[in-house]
Amino acid sequence: QVQLVESGGGLVQPGGSLRLSCAASDSIFNFNHMGWYRQAPGKERELVAAFITFGVSTRYADSVKGRFTISRDSAKKRVDLQMNSLRPEDTAVYYCNFRRGAMDYWGKGTLVTVSL
């Protein structure tokens, strides 16, 4: 069982930046999918950014392309999400998700609020 813990959320003004981190309890090798999702109030959870196909490629939601960057540090067992030029519509709970075969792991989420 892999534990995922998100951190870095908070309140930020429009145009500001935040960096989210997802710390894994186990090595992050051999996960075919490592990514960030978000869920805004009253909306479905959606993919924000992810490493796919064992980290060979990345995938971003159209709404965050050019503003968000996903990165990983295998030594620290961590996947980060750098979020720049934040907008009010980026407000949501952000979740870390890792997949290995049929196993699907989620963190508990961290709240990001973009507001004046």
Protein backbone atom coordinates (compact mmCIF):
# COMPACT_ATOMS: atom_id res chain seq x y z
CA GLN A 1 0.00 0.00 0.00
CA VAL A 2 1.43 3.36 -1.04
CA GLN A 3 0.59 6.46 0.99
CA LEU A 4 0.45 9.83 -0.79
CA VAL A 5 0.52 13.12 1.09
CA GLU A 6 -0.09 16.44 -0.62
CA SER A 7 1.16 19.78 0.64
CA GLY A 8 1.57 23.35 -0.55
CA GLY A 9 -2.00 24.48 -0.96
CA GLY A 10 -3.28 27.79 0.33
CA LEU A 11 -4.74 31.15 -0.54
CA VAL A 12 -3.16 33.12 -3.37
CA GLN A 13 -4.17 36.18 -5.35
CA PRO A 14 -4.94 35.97 -9.06
CA GLY A 15 -1.73 35.99 -11.05
CA GLY A 16 0.21 34.44 -8.20
CA SER A 17 2.03 31.13 -7.92
CA LEU A 18 1.95 28.04 -5.74
CA ARG A 19 3.94 24.84 -5.71
CA LEU A 20 2.20 21.65 -4.68
CA SER A 21 4.12 18.57 -3.57
CA CYS A 22 3.05 14.95 -3.38
CA ALA A 23 5.23 12.80 -1.15
CA ALA A 24 5.04 9.05 -1.63
CA SER A 25 5.78 6.46 1.05
CA ASP A 26 7.43 4.18 -1.48
CA SER A 27 9.73 4.46 -4.47
CA ILE A 28 8.08 6.22 -7.39
CA PHE A 29 9.63 3.93 -9.94
CA ASN A 30 7.32 1.57 -11.82
CA PHE A 31 4.21 3.69 -11.59
CA ASN A 32 2.69 3.91 -15.04
CA HIS A 33 0.79 7.05 -14.09
CA MET A 34 1.62 9.83 -11.60
CA GLY A 35 -0.45 12.95 -11.67
CA TRP A 36 -2.50 15.71 -10.19
CA TYR A 37 -6.25 16.03 -10.36
CA ARG A 38 -8.55 18.71 -9.01
CA GLN A 39 -12.14 19.01 -7.98
CA ALA A 40 -13.93 22.32 -7.70
CA PRO A 41 -17.19 22.67 -5.74
CA GLY A 42 -20.07 21.20 -7.69
CA LYS A 43 -17.82 19.86 -10.43
CA GLU A 44 -16.35 16.50 -11.32
CA ARG A 45 -12.75 15.64 -10.59
CA GLU A 46 -10.54 16.39 -13.57
CA LEU A 47 -7.00 15.66 -14.65
CA VAL A 48 -4.65 18.63 -14.31
CA ALA A 49 -1.28 17.17 -15.22
CA ALA A 50 0.35 13.77 -15.21
CA PHE A 51 3.34 11.68 -16.12
CA ILE A 52 2.02 8.82 -18.24
CA THR A 53 3.49 5.66 -19.75
CA PHE A 54 6.00 5.24 -16.93
CA GLY A 55 7.10 8.85 -17.13
CA VAL A 56 7.93 8.87 -20.81
CA SER A 57 5.31 11.51 -21.55
CA THR A 58 3.38 14.23 -19.82
CA ARG A 59 -0.21 15.25 -20.22
CA TYR A 60 -1.84 18.55 -19.27
CA ALA A 61 -5.39 19.84 -19.23
CA ASP A 62 -5.85 22.49 -21.91
CA SER A 63 -6.82 25.02 -19.26
CA VAL A 64 -3.42 24.82 -17.54
CA LYS A 65 -1.04 24.42 -20.48
CA GLY A 66 1.71 27.02 -20.34
CA ARG A 67 0.92 27.88 -16.72
CA PHE A 68 1.42 24.63 -14.78
CA THR A 69 4.41 22.29 -14.82
CA ILE A 70 4.62 18.82 -13.35
CA SER A 71 7.97 17.51 -12.17
CA ARG A 72 9.35 14.60 -10.19
CA ASP A 73 12.25 13.85 -7.89
CA SER A 74 12.74 10.11 -7.69
CA ALA A 75 15.33 10.35 -4.91
CA LYS A 76 12.89 12.30 -2.74
CA LYS A 77 9.92 10.17 -3.86
CA ARG A 78 8.05 13.29 -4.79
CA VAL A 79 5.96 14.68 -7.64
CA ASP A 80 5.42 18.43 -7.71
CA LEU A 81 3.08 20.77 -9.53
CA GLN A 82 4.29 24.30 -10.13
CA MET A 83 1.33 26.56 -10.73
CA ASN A 84 1.87 30.03 -12.16
CA SER A 85 -0.48 32.77 -13.35
CA LEU A 86 -3.21 31.36 -11.16
CA ARG A 87 -6.81 32.24 -11.90
CA PRO A 88 -9.93 32.15 -9.74
CA GLU A 89 -11.15 29.19 -11.79
CA ASP A 90 -8.14 27.21 -10.57
CA THR A 91 -9.70 27.14 -7.12
CA ALA A 92 -10.22 23.51 -6.13
CA VAL A 93 -9.02 20.68 -3.97
CA TYR A 94 -5.96 19.20 -5.68
CA TYR A 95 -5.32 15.47 -5.38
CA CYS A 96 -2.27 13.38 -6.12
CA ASN A 97 -2.85 10.08 -7.94
CA PHE A 98 -0.48 7.22 -8.66
CA ARG A 99 -1.31 4.06 -10.60
CA ARG A 100 0.59 0.81 -10.82
CA GLY A 101 -1.16 -1.83 -12.84
CA ALA A 102 -4.65 -2.24 -11.40
CA MET A 103 -3.74 -0.41 -8.20
CA ASP A 104 -4.94 3.18 -7.87
CA TYR A 105 -3.67 5.40 -5.02
CA TRP A 106 -5.00 8.80 -3.98
CA GLY A 107 -3.93 11.39 -1.48
CA LYS A 108 -6.40 13.25 0.72
CA GLY A 109 -6.03 16.49 -1.19
CA THR A 110 -4.87 20.03 -0.58
CA LEU A 111 -7.04 23.10 -1.04
CA VAL A 112 -6.00 25.85 -3.42
CA THR A 113 -7.98 29.08 -3.30
CA VAL A 114 -7.32 31.84 -5.83
CA SER A 115 -8.99 35.04 -4.70
CA LEU A 116 -8.39 38.69 -3.93
